[in-house]
Every structure is written in structure tokens, then in C-alpha cells.
């Protein structure tokens, strides 16, 4: 997994690529936690994400709840069909803001 971060004032965009699984979810979560402290809007660009496991889904759900508590927002963009299928099957597509 590779993560590239871009800051735009109070908005942080993280472009992820590769697999978000049990091995990579801790690094993904650490990067997100660092960004949450400095932004009111977090955008995750999933254009390069090939796979997401339950560990990655947990990170997304935790991030969503944290951003709501602080009055911010989480948006996931450029989701590939296979990843969207996972979001639909798990019900995450009804909880998360996915564009």
C-alpha cells in the first residue's frame, strides 16, 4: 500500500493505492489519525485501491465516527467497482459518503 497526502487549508486528501488489509491497515490508520488532527475535511482517493479487508473497513468506520464527532466530514472518491461491491455488501455504502 502506498499513501500520498495533499493539504489544502483545512482539507486533507489522501490518495491510497494497493491493498488495505491486516498488514497495511495499521499504517493506513496512523496516517489518517495524524491528518484528523489538522483538518475539518478528509478525502480518501481510492482510485488505486485494489482490495480492502475488514481491517481496512474498521479504519474507515472509526475515521467516519471521529470526523463526525469533531464536526468534520469524510468523503471517499474514485472507488473502483470491486471495492464498491464490498461497500455495498457490508452496508458501508449507506453509512459513508462515497462519490
PDB file of N, CA and C in Angstrom:
ATOM      1  N   UNK A   1       0.840  -1.178   0.000  1.00  0.00           N
ATOM      2  CA  UNK A   1       0.000   0.000   0.000  1.00  0.00           C
ATOM      3  C   UNK A   1       0.884   1.240   0.000  1.00  0.00           C
ATOM      4  N   UNK A   2       0.466   2.218  -0.782  1.00  0.00           N
ATOM      5  CA  UNK A   2       1.157   3.498  -0.825  1.00  0.00           C
ATOM      6  C   UNK A   2       0.149   4.594  -0.533  1.00  0.00           C
ATOM      7  N   UNK A   3       0.581   5.579   0.267  1.00  0.00           N
ATOM      8  CA  UNK A   3      -0.272   6.712   0.614  1.00  0.00           C
ATOM      9  C   UNK A   3       0.428   8.007   0.237  1.00  0.00           C
ATOM     10  N   UNK A   4      -0.307   8.889  -0.430  1.00  0.00           N
ATOM     11  CA  UNK A   4       0.207  10.216  -0.778  1.00  0.00           C
ATOM     12  C   UNK A   4      -0.767  11.233  -0.209  1.00  0.00           C
ATOM     13  N   UNK A   5      -0.231  12.192   0.569  1.00  0.00           N
ATOM     14  CA  UNK A   5      -1.073  13.168   1.257  1.00  0.00           C
ATOM     15  C   UNK A   5      -0.910  14.546   0.640  1.00  0.00           C
ATOM     16  N   UNK A   6      -2.041  15.231   0.447  1.00  0.00           N
ATOM     17  CA  UNK A   6      -2.056  16.611  -0.041  1.00  0.00           C
ATOM     18  C   UNK A   6      -2.876  17.448   0.925  1.00  0.00           C
ATOM     19  N   UNK A   7      -2.342  18.583   1.341  1.00  0.00           N
ATOM     20  CA  UNK A   7      -3.064  19.506   2.216  1.00  0.00           C
ATOM     21  C   UNK A   7      -3.576  20.687   1.412  1.00  0.00           C
ATOM     22  N   UNK A   8      -4.830  21.047   1.646  1.00  0.00           N
ATOM     23  CA  UNK A   8      -5.431  22.239   1.044  1.00  0.00           C
ATOM     24  C   UNK A   8      -6.197  22.959   2.156  1.00  0.00           C
ATOM     25  N   UNK A   9      -5.508  23.834   2.869  1.00  0.00           N
ATOM     26  CA  UNK A   9      -6.081  24.531   4.028  1.00  0.00           C
ATOM     27  C   UNK A   9      -6.583  23.521   5.046  1.00  0.00           C
ATOM     28  N   UNK A  10      -7.885  23.492   5.314  1.00  0.00           N
ATOM     29  CA  UNK A  10      -8.455  22.576   6.321  1.00  0.00           C
ATOM     30  C   UNK A  10      -8.883  21.246   5.707  1.00  0.00           C
ATOM     31  N   UNK A  11      -8.532  21.029   4.437  1.00  0.00           N
ATOM     32  CA  UNK A  11      -8.900  19.815   3.724  1.00  0.00           C
ATOM     33  C   UNK A  11      -7.636  19.000   3.459  1.00  0.00           C
ATOM     34  N   UNK A  12      -7.705  17.711   3.778  1.00  0.00           N
ATOM     35  CA  UNK A  12      -6.589  16.807   3.511  1.00  0.00           C
ATOM     36  C   UNK A  12      -7.083  15.723   2.569  1.00  0.00           C
ATOM     37  N   UNK A  13      -6.315  15.475   1.513  1.00  0.00           N
ATOM     38  CA  UNK A  13      -6.628  14.416   0.562  1.00  0.00           C
ATOM     39  C   UNK A  13      -5.541  13.354   0.678  1.00  0.00           C
ATOM     40  N   UNK A  14      -5.960  12.133   0.924  1.00  0.00           N
ATOM     41  CA  UNK A  14      -5.024  11.014   0.971  1.00  0.00           C
ATOM     42  C   UNK A  14      -5.344  10.101  -0.199  1.00  0.00           C
ATOM     43  N   UNK A  15      -4.378   9.928  -1.099  1.00  0.00           N
ATOM     44  CA  UNK A  15      -4.528   9.009  -2.223  1.00  0.00           C
ATOM     45  C   UNK A  15      -3.896   7.687  -1.818  1.00  0.00           C
ATOM     46  N   UNK A  16      -4.706   6.643  -1.834  1.00  0.00           N
ATOM     47  CA  UNK A  16      -4.230   5.320  -1.446  1.00  0.00           C
ATOM     48  C   UNK A  16      -4.150   4.432  -2.682  1.00  0.00           C
ATOM     49  N   UNK A  17      -3.177   3.529  -2.677  1.00  0.00           N
ATOM     50  CA  UNK A  17      -3.084   2.547  -3.748  1.00  0.00           C
ATOM     51  C   UNK A  17      -2.597   1.230  -3.168  1.00  0.00           C
ATOM     52  N   UNK A  18      -2.975   0.153  -3.837  1.00  0.00           N
ATOM     53  CA  UNK A  18      -2.590  -1.174  -3.372  1.00  0.00           C
ATOM     54  C   UNK A  18      -3.683  -1.815  -2.538  1.00  0.00           C
ATOM     55  N   UNK A  19      -3.265  -2.595  -1.559  1.00  0.00           N
ATOM     56  CA  UNK A  19      -4.190  -3.357  -0.711  1.00  0.00           C
ATOM     57  C   UNK A  19      -4.249  -2.750   0.688  1.00  0.00           C
ATOM     58  N   UNK A  20      -5.463  -2.614   1.201  1.00  0.00           N
ATOM     59  CA  UNK A  20      -5.644  -2.202   2.597  1.00  0.00           C
ATOM     60  C   UNK A  20      -6.149  -3.448   3.320  1.00  0.00           C
ATOM     61  N   UNK A  21      -5.240  -4.118   4.003  1.00  0.00           N
ATOM     62  CA  UNK A  21      -5.564  -5.375   4.655  1.00  0.00           C
ATOM     63  C   UNK A  21      -4.971  -5.402   6.062  1.00  0.00           C
ATOM     64  N   UNK A  22      -4.945  -6.558   6.662  1.00  0.00           N
ATOM     65  CA  UNK A  22      -4.454  -6.706   8.034  1.00  0.00           C
ATOM     66  C   UNK A  22      -3.025  -6.188   8.187  1.00  0.00           C
ATOM     67  N   UNK A  23      -2.207  -6.381   7.173  1.00  0.00           N
ATOM     68  CA  UNK A  23      -0.808  -5.952   7.237  1.00  0.00           C
ATOM     69  C   UNK A  23      -0.637  -4.452   7.061  1.00  0.00           C
ATOM     70  N   UNK A  24      -1.472  -3.831   6.244  1.00  0.00           N
ATOM     71  CA  UNK A  24      -1.286  -2.417   5.920  1.00  0.00           C
ATOM     72  C   UNK A  24      -2.245  -1.485   6.659  1.00  0.00           C
ATOM     73  N   UNK A  25      -3.310  -2.016   7.241  1.00  0.00           N
ATOM     74  CA  UNK A  25      -4.305  -1.181   7.931  1.00  0.00           C
ATOM     75  C   UNK A  25      -3.700  -0.349   9.066  1.00  0.00           C
ATOM     76  N   UNK A  26      -2.763  -0.874   9.869  1.00  0.00           N
ATOM     77  CA  UNK A  26      -2.186  -0.036  10.931  1.00  0.00           C
ATOM     78  C   UNK A  26      -1.483   1.223  10.403  1.00  0.00           C
ATOM     79  N   UNK A  27      -0.745   1.108   9.300  1.00  0.00           N
ATOM     80  CA  UNK A  27      -0.089   2.279   8.713  1.00  0.00           C
ATOM     81  C   UNK A  27      -1.124   3.238   8.136  1.00  0.00           C
ATOM     82  N   UNK A  28      -2.163   2.696   7.521  1.00  0.00           N
ATOM     83  CA  UNK A  28      -3.264   3.498   6.977  1.00  0.00           C
ATOM     84  C   UNK A  28      -3.937   4.274   8.103  1.00  0.00           C
ATOM     85  N   UNK A  29      -4.216   3.597   9.214  1.00  0.00           N
ATOM     86  CA  UNK A  29      -4.863   4.228  10.363  1.00  0.00           C
ATOM     87  C   UNK A  29      -3.968   5.302  10.983  1.00  0.00           C
ATOM     88  N   UNK A  30      -2.685   5.038  11.092  1.00  0.00           N
ATOM     89  CA  UNK A  30      -1.750   6.010  11.675  1.00  0.00           C
ATOM     90  C   UNK A  30      -1.704   7.287  10.837  1.00  0.00           C
ATOM     91  N   UNK A  31      -1.670   7.148   9.532  1.00  0.00           N
ATOM     92  CA  UNK A  31      -1.643   8.316   8.644  1.00  0.00           C
ATOM     93  C   UNK A  31      -2.940   9.117   8.779  1.00  0.00           C
ATOM     94  N   UNK A  32      -4.056   8.425   8.836  1.00  0.00           N
ATOM     95  CA  UNK A  32      -5.352   9.096   8.972  1.00  0.00           C
ATOM     96  C   UNK A  32      -5.453   9.816  10.308  1.00  0.00           C
ATOM     97  N   UNK A  33      -5.026   9.185  11.384  1.00  0.00           N
ATOM     98  CA  UNK A  33      -5.095   9.823  12.711  1.00  0.00           C
ATOM     99  C   UNK A  33      -4.285  11.110  12.740  1.00  0.00           C
ATOM    100  N   UNK A  34      -3.138  11.104  12.094  1.00  0.00           N
ATOM    101  CA  UNK A  34      -2.311  12.308  12.021  1.00  0.00           C
ATOM    102  C   UNK A  34      -3.054  13.417  11.270  1.00  0.00           C
ATOM    103  N   UNK A  35      -3.749  13.056  10.216  1.00  0.00           N
ATOM    104  CA  UNK A  35      -4.470  14.038   9.394  1.00  0.00           C
ATOM    105  C   UNK A  35      -5.718  14.576  10.091  1.00  0.00           C
ATOM    106  N   UNK A  36      -6.394  13.732  10.854  1.00  0.00           N
ATOM    107  CA  UNK A  36      -7.629  14.147  11.522  1.00  0.00           C
ATOM    108  C   UNK A  36      -7.375  15.336  12.432  1.00  0.00           C
ATOM    109  N   UNK A  37      -6.226  15.357  13.062  1.00  0.00           N
ATOM    110  CA  UNK A  37      -5.898  16.443  13.987  1.00  0.00           C
ATOM    111  C   UNK A  37      -5.783  17.794  13.287  1.00  0.00           C
ATOM    112  N   UNK A  38      -5.460  17.786  11.999  1.00  0.00           N
ATOM    113  CA  UNK A  38      -5.183  19.033  11.306  1.00  0.00           C
ATOM    114  C   UNK A  38      -6.219  19.426  10.260  1.00  0.00           C
ATOM    115  N   UNK A  39      -7.330  18.694  10.162  1.00  0.00           N
ATOM    116  CA  UNK A  39      -8.285  19.019   9.104  1.00  0.00           C
ATOM    117  C   UNK A  39      -9.731  18.949   9.585  1.00  0.00           C
ATOM    118  N   UNK A  40     -10.594  19.605   8.834  1.00  0.00           N
ATOM    119  CA  UNK A  40     -12.030  19.510   9.087  1.00  0.00           C
ATOM    120  C   UNK A  40     -12.705  18.697   7.989  1.00  0.00           C
ATOM    121  N   UNK A  41     -11.989  18.493   6.877  1.00  0.00           N
ATOM    122  CA  UNK A  41     -12.499  17.661   5.791  1.00  0.00           C
ATOM    123  C   UNK A  41     -11.406  16.705   5.354  1.00  0.00           C
ATOM    124  N   UNK A  42     -11.727  15.424   5.356  1.00  0.00           N
ATOM    125  CA  UNK A  42     -10.783  14.395   4.947  1.00  0.00           C
ATOM    126  C   UNK A  42     -11.347  13.695   3.721  1.00  0.00           C
ATOM    127  N   UNK A  43     -10.557  13.658   2.665  1.00  0.00           N
ATOM    128  CA  UNK A  43     -10.954  12.997   1.422  1.00  0.00           C
ATOM    129  C   UNK A  43      -9.987  11.839   1.181  1.00  0.00           C
ATOM    130  N   UNK A  44     -10.553  10.656   0.984  1.00  0.00           N
ATOM    131  CA  UNK A  44      -9.746   9.482   0.671  1.00  0.00           C
ATOM    132  C   UNK A  44      -9.972   9.130  -0.793  1.00  0.00           C
ATOM    133  N   UNK A  45      -8.917   9.212  -1.582  1.00  0.00           N
ATOM    134  CA  UNK A  45      -8.985   8.884  -3.000  1.00  0.00           C
ATOM    135  C   UNK A  45      -8.597   7.416  -3.158  1.00  0.00           C
ATOM    136  N   UNK A  46      -9.580   6.596  -3.510  1.00  0.00           N
ATOM    137  CA  UNK A  46      -9.378   5.155  -3.608  1.00  0.00           C
ATOM    138  C   UNK A  46      -9.146   4.682  -5.041  1.00  0.00           C
ATOM    139  N   UNK A  47      -8.747   5.578  -5.944  1.00  0.00           N
ATOM    140  CA  UNK A  47      -8.564   5.207  -7.352  1.00  0.00           C
ATOM    141  C   UNK A  47      -7.608   4.025  -7.506  1.00  0.00           C
ATOM    142  N   UNK A  48      -6.590   3.946  -6.666  1.00  0.00           N
ATOM    143  CA  UNK A  48      -5.593   2.890  -6.794  1.00  0.00           C
ATOM    144  C   UNK A  48      -5.767   1.727  -5.835  1.00  0.00           C
ATOM    145  N   UNK A  49      -6.856   1.731  -5.065  1.00  0.00           N
ATOM    146  CA  UNK A  49      -7.062   0.652  -4.087  1.00  0.00           C
ATOM    147  C   UNK A  49      -7.601  -0.586  -4.801  1.00  0.00           C
ATOM    148  N   UNK A  50      -6.888  -1.703  -4.645  1.00  0.00           N
ATOM    149  CA  UNK A  50      -7.248  -2.958  -5.306  1.00  0.00           C
ATOM    150  C   UNK A  50      -8.075  -3.870  -4.418  1.00  0.00           C
ATOM    151  N   UNK A  51      -7.929  -3.713  -3.089  1.00  0.00           N
ATOM    152  CA  UNK A  51      -8.591  -4.619  -2.152  1.00  0.00           C
ATOM    153  C   UNK A  51      -8.681  -3.934  -0.800  1.00  0.00           C
ATOM    154  N   UNK A  52      -9.778  -4.198  -0.079  1.00  0.00           N
ATOM    155  CA  UNK A  52      -9.895  -3.731   1.299  1.00  0.00           C
ATOM    156  C   UNK A  52     -10.495  -4.858   2.139  1.00  0.00           C
ATOM    157  N   UNK A  53      -9.851  -5.146   3.252  1.00  0.00           N
ATOM    158  CA  UNK A  53     -10.317  -6.214   4.143  1.00  0.00           C
ATOM    159  C   UNK A  53     -11.144  -5.609   5.276  1.00  0.00           C
ATOM    160  N   UNK A  54     -11.590  -6.459   6.165  1.00  0.00           N
ATOM    161  CA  UNK A  54     -12.359  -5.986   7.325  1.00  0.00           C
ATOM    162  C   UNK A  54     -11.520  -5.055   8.194  1.00  0.00           C
ATOM    163  N   UNK A  55     -10.213  -5.251   8.217  1.00  0.00           N
ATOM    164  CA  UNK A  55      -9.341  -4.359   8.988  1.00  0.00           C
ATOM    165  C   UNK A  55      -9.375  -2.948   8.393  1.00  0.00           C
ATOM    166  N   UNK A  56      -9.377  -2.843   7.085  1.00  0.00           N
ATOM    167  CA  UNK A  56      -9.477  -1.550   6.425  1.00  0.00           C
ATOM    168  C   UNK A  56     -10.844  -0.918   6.613  1.00  0.00           C
ATOM    169  N   UNK A  57     -11.881  -1.742   6.568  1.00  0.00           N
ATOM    170  CA  UNK A  57     -13.241  -1.241   6.787  1.00  0.00           C
ATOM    171  C   UNK A  57     -13.381  -0.678   8.203  1.00  0.00           C
ATOM    172  N   UNK A  58     -12.763  -1.338   9.163  1.00  0.00           N
ATOM    173  CA  UNK A  58     -12.807  -0.851  10.544  1.00  0.00           C
ATOM    174  C   UNK A  58     -12.168   0.534  10.646  1.00  0.00           C
ATOM    175  N   UNK A  59     -11.052   0.733   9.952  1.00  0.00           N
ATOM    176  CA  UNK A  59     -10.385   2.040   9.951  1.00  0.00           C
ATOM    177  C   UNK A  59     -11.316   3.103   9.372  1.00  0.00           C
ATOM    178  N   UNK A  60     -12.001   2.778   8.285  1.00  0.00           N
ATOM    179  CA  UNK A  60     -12.924   3.736   7.672  1.00  0.00           C
ATOM    180  C   UNK A  60     -14.077   4.092   8.606  1.00  0.00           C
ATOM    181  N   UNK A  61     -14.636   3.089   9.262  1.00  0.00           N
ATOM    182  CA  UNK A  61     -15.754   3.341  10.174  1.00  0.00           C
ATOM    183  C   UNK A  61     -15.314   4.181  11.368  1.00  0.00           C
ATOM    184  N   UNK A  62     -14.183   3.862  11.941  1.00  0.00           N
ATOM    185  CA  UNK A  62     -13.638   4.629  13.067  1.00  0.00           C
ATOM    186  C   UNK A  62     -13.354   6.069  12.649  1.00  0.00           C
ATOM    187  N   UNK A  63     -12.784   6.238  11.462  1.00  0.00           N
ATOM    188  CA  UNK A  63     -12.482   7.574  10.951  1.00  0.00           C
ATOM    189  C   UNK A  63     -13.762   8.366  10.738  1.00  0.00           C
ATOM    190  N   UNK A  64     -14.762   7.733  10.153  1.00  0.00           N
ATOM    191  CA  UNK A  64     -16.055   8.388   9.918  1.00  0.00           C
ATOM    192  C   UNK A  64     -16.647   8.895  11.237  1.00  0.00           C
ATOM    193  N   UNK A  65     -16.659   8.042  12.250  1.00  0.00           N
ATOM    194  CA  UNK A  65     -17.211   8.422  13.559  1.00  0.00           C
ATOM    195  C   UNK A  65     -16.405   9.561  14.193  1.00  0.00           C
ATOM    196  N   UNK A  66     -15.090   9.497  14.103  1.00  0.00           N
ATOM    197  CA  UNK A  66     -14.232  10.533  14.678  1.00  0.00           C
ATOM    198  C   UNK A  66     -14.465  11.875  13.997  1.00  0.00           C
ATOM    199  N   UNK A  67     -14.554  11.860  12.667  1.00  0.00           N
ATOM    200  CA  UNK A  67     -14.780  13.108  11.930  1.00  0.00           C
ATOM    201  C   UNK A  67     -16.148  13.698  12.266  1.00  0.00           C
ATOM    202  N   UNK A  68     -17.166  12.862  12.413  1.00  0.00           N
ATOM    203  CA  UNK A  68     -18.495  13.364  12.792  1.00  0.00           C
ATOM    204  C   UNK A  68     -18.465  14.005  14.169  1.00  0.00           C
ATOM    205  N   UNK A  69     -17.785  13.371  15.123  1.00  0.00           N
ATOM    206  CA  UNK A  69     -17.699  13.897  16.488  1.00  0.00           C
ATOM    207  C   UNK A  69     -17.048  15.268  16.528  1.00  0.00           C
ATOM    208  N   UNK A  70     -16.068  15.502  15.654  1.00  0.00           N
ATOM    209  CA  UNK A  70     -15.381  16.786  15.668  1.00  0.00           C
ATOM    210  C   UNK A  70     -16.030  17.802  14.726  1.00  0.00           C
ATOM    211  N   UNK A  71     -17.171  17.424  14.136  1.00  0.00           N
ATOM    212  CA  UNK A  71     -17.880  18.338  13.251  1.00  0.00           C
ATOM    213  C   UNK A  71     -17.296  18.411  11.853  1.00  0.00           C
ATOM    214  N   UNK A  72     -16.491  17.445  11.497  1.00  0.00           N
ATOM    215  CA  UNK A  72     -15.869  17.413  10.181  1.00  0.00           C
ATOM    216  C   UNK A  72     -16.569  16.423   9.265  1.00  0.00           C
ATOM    217  N   UNK A  73     -15.915  16.139   8.146  1.00  0.00           N
ATOM    218  CA  UNK A  73     -16.508  15.206   7.199  1.00  0.00           C
ATOM    219  C   UNK A  73     -15.446  14.299   6.586  1.00  0.00           C
ATOM    220  N   UNK A  74     -15.900  13.119   6.194  1.00  0.00           N
ATOM    221  CA  UNK A  74     -15.068  12.146   5.492  1.00  0.00           C
ATOM    222  C   UNK A  74     -15.752  11.850   4.170  1.00  0.00           C
ATOM    223  N   UNK A  75     -14.974  11.915   3.083  1.00  0.00           N
ATOM    224  CA  UNK A  75     -15.505  11.592   1.765  1.00  0.00           C
ATOM    225  C   UNK A  75     -14.545  10.623   1.098  1.00  0.00           C
ATOM    226  N   UNK A  76     -15.098   9.602   0.451  1.00  0.00           N
ATOM    227  CA  UNK A  76     -14.289   8.634  -0.282  1.00  0.00           C
ATOM    228  C   UNK A  76     -14.625   8.798  -1.761  1.00  0.00           C
ATOM    229  N   UNK A  77     -13.597   8.993  -2.580  1.00  0.00           N
ATOM    230  CA  UNK A  77     -13.817   9.249  -4.009  1.00  0.00           C
ATOM    231  C   UNK A  77     -13.083   8.217  -4.872  1.00  0.00           C
ATOM    232  N   UNK A  78     -13.488   8.143  -6.136  1.00  0.00           N
ATOM    233  CA  UNK A  78     -12.836   7.297  -7.146  1.00  0.00           C
ATOM    234  C   UNK A  78     -12.747   5.831  -6.731  1.00  0.00           C
ATOM    235  N   UNK A  79     -13.871   5.295  -6.273  1.00  0.00           N
ATOM    236  CA  UNK A  79     -13.916   3.908  -5.803  1.00  0.00           C
ATOM    237  C   UNK A  79     -14.147   2.968  -6.992  1.00  0.00           C
ATOM    238  N   UNK A  80     -13.270   1.989  -7.139  1.00  0.00           N
ATOM    239  CA  UNK A  80     -13.390   1.001  -8.218  1.00  0.00           C
ATOM    240  C   UNK A  80     -14.587   0.082  -7.946  1.00  0.00           C
ATOM    241  N   UNK A  81     -15.063  -0.540  -8.998  1.00  0.00           N
ATOM    242  CA  UNK A  81     -16.243  -1.408  -8.902  1.00  0.00           C
ATOM    243  C   UNK A  81     -16.121  -2.519  -7.877  1.00  0.00           C
ATOM    244  N   UNK A  82     -14.963  -3.164  -7.812  1.00  0.00           N
ATOM    245  CA  UNK A  82     -14.777  -4.276  -6.869  1.00  0.00           C
ATOM    246  C   UNK A  82     -14.852  -3.786  -5.424  1.00  0.00           C
ATOM    247  N   UNK A  83     -14.281  -2.617  -5.168  1.00  0.00           N
ATOM    248  CA  UNK A  83     -14.306  -2.054  -3.814  1.00  0.00           C
ATOM    249  C   UNK A  83     -15.716  -1.580  -3.485  1.00  0.00           C
ATOM    250  N   UNK A  84     -16.408  -1.006  -4.463  1.00  0.00           N
ATOM    251  CA  UNK A  84     -17.786  -0.566  -4.249  1.00  0.00           C
ATOM    252  C   UNK A  84     -18.676  -1.755  -3.927  1.00  0.00           C
ATOM    253  N   UNK A  85     -18.426  -2.894  -4.561  1.00  0.00           N
ATOM    254  CA  UNK A  85     -19.178  -4.112  -4.255  1.00  0.00           C
ATOM    255  C   UNK A  85     -19.013  -4.482  -2.784  1.00  0.00           C
ATOM    256  N   UNK A  86     -17.789  -4.364  -2.271  1.00  0.00           N
ATOM    257  CA  UNK A  86     -17.534  -4.663  -0.859  1.00  0.00           C
ATOM    258  C   UNK A  86     -18.301  -3.683   0.024  1.00  0.00           C
ATOM    259  N   UNK A  87     -18.274  -2.395  -0.330  1.00  0.00           N
ATOM    260  CA  UNK A  87     -19.017  -1.394   0.437  1.00  0.00           C
ATOM    261  C   UNK A  87     -20.519  -1.688   0.411  1.00  0.00           C
ATOM    262  N   UNK A  88     -21.046  -2.115  -0.739  1.00  0.00           N
ATOM    263  CA  UNK A  88     -22.472  -2.427  -0.852  1.00  0.00           C
ATOM    264  C   UNK A  88     -22.846  -3.656  -0.023  1.00  0.00           C
ATOM    265  N   UNK A  89     -22.055  -4.702  -0.124  1.00  0.00           N
ATOM    266  CA  UNK A  89     -22.343  -5.955   0.590  1.00  0.00           C
ATOM    267  C   UNK A  89     -22.302  -5.752   2.101  1.00  0.00           C
ATOM    268  N   UNK A  90     -21.357  -4.952   2.572  1.00  0.00           N
ATOM    269  CA  UNK A  90     -21.200  -4.733   4.014  1.00  0.00           C
ATOM    270  C   UNK A  90     -22.123  -3.649   4.558  1.00  0.00           C
ATOM    271  N   UNK A  91     -22.784  -2.906   3.668  1.00  0.00           N
ATOM    272  CA  UNK A  91     -23.653  -1.818   4.105  1.00  0.00           C
ATOM    273  C   UNK A  91     -22.921  -0.503   4.312  1.00  0.00           C
ATOM    274  N   UNK A  92     -21.632  -0.483   4.061  1.00  0.00           N
ATOM    275  CA  UNK A  92     -20.851   0.740   4.246  1.00  0.00           C
ATOM    276  C   UNK A  92     -21.265   1.826   3.258  1.00  0.00           C
ATOM    277  N   UNK A  93     -21.813   1.430   2.121  1.00  0.00           N
ATOM    278  CA  UNK A  93     -22.224   2.423   1.121  1.00  0.00           C
ATOM    279  C   UNK A  93     -23.391   3.271   1.613  1.00  0.00           C
ATOM    280  N   UNK A  94     -24.117   2.785   2.607  1.00  0.00           N
ATOM    281  CA  UNK A  94     -25.216   3.582   3.173  1.00  0.00           C
ATOM    282  C   UNK A  94     -24.759   4.436   4.335  1.00  0.00           C
ATOM    283  N   UNK A  95     -23.587   4.162   4.869  1.00  0.00           N
ATOM    284  CA  UNK A  95     -23.074   4.883   6.036  1.00  0.00           C
ATOM    285  C   UNK A  95     -22.064   5.959   5.633  1.00  0.00           C
ATOM    286  N   UNK A  96     -21.171   5.600   4.723  1.00  0.00           N
ATOM    287  CA  UNK A  96     -20.093   6.503   4.319  1.00  0.00           C
ATOM    288  C   UNK A  96     -20.511   7.379   3.146  1.00  0.00           C
ATOM    289  N   UNK A  97     -19.869   8.543   3.043  1.00  0.00           N
ATOM    290  CA  UNK A  97     -20.081   9.458   1.925  1.00  0.00           C
ATOM    291  C   UNK A  97     -19.130   9.032   0.804  1.00  0.00           C
ATOM    292  N   UNK A  98     -19.664   8.319  -0.187  1.00  0.00           N
ATOM    293  CA  UNK A  98     -18.859   7.785  -1.288  1.00  0.00           C
ATOM    294  C   UNK A  98     -19.298   8.455  -2.580  1.00  0.00           C
ATOM    295  N   UNK A  99     -18.347   9.028  -3.277  1.00  0.00           N
ATOM    296  CA  UNK A  99     -18.647   9.683  -4.567  1.00  0.00           C
ATOM    297  C   UNK A  99     -17.895   9.008  -5.690  1.00  0.00           C
TER     298      UNK A  99
END
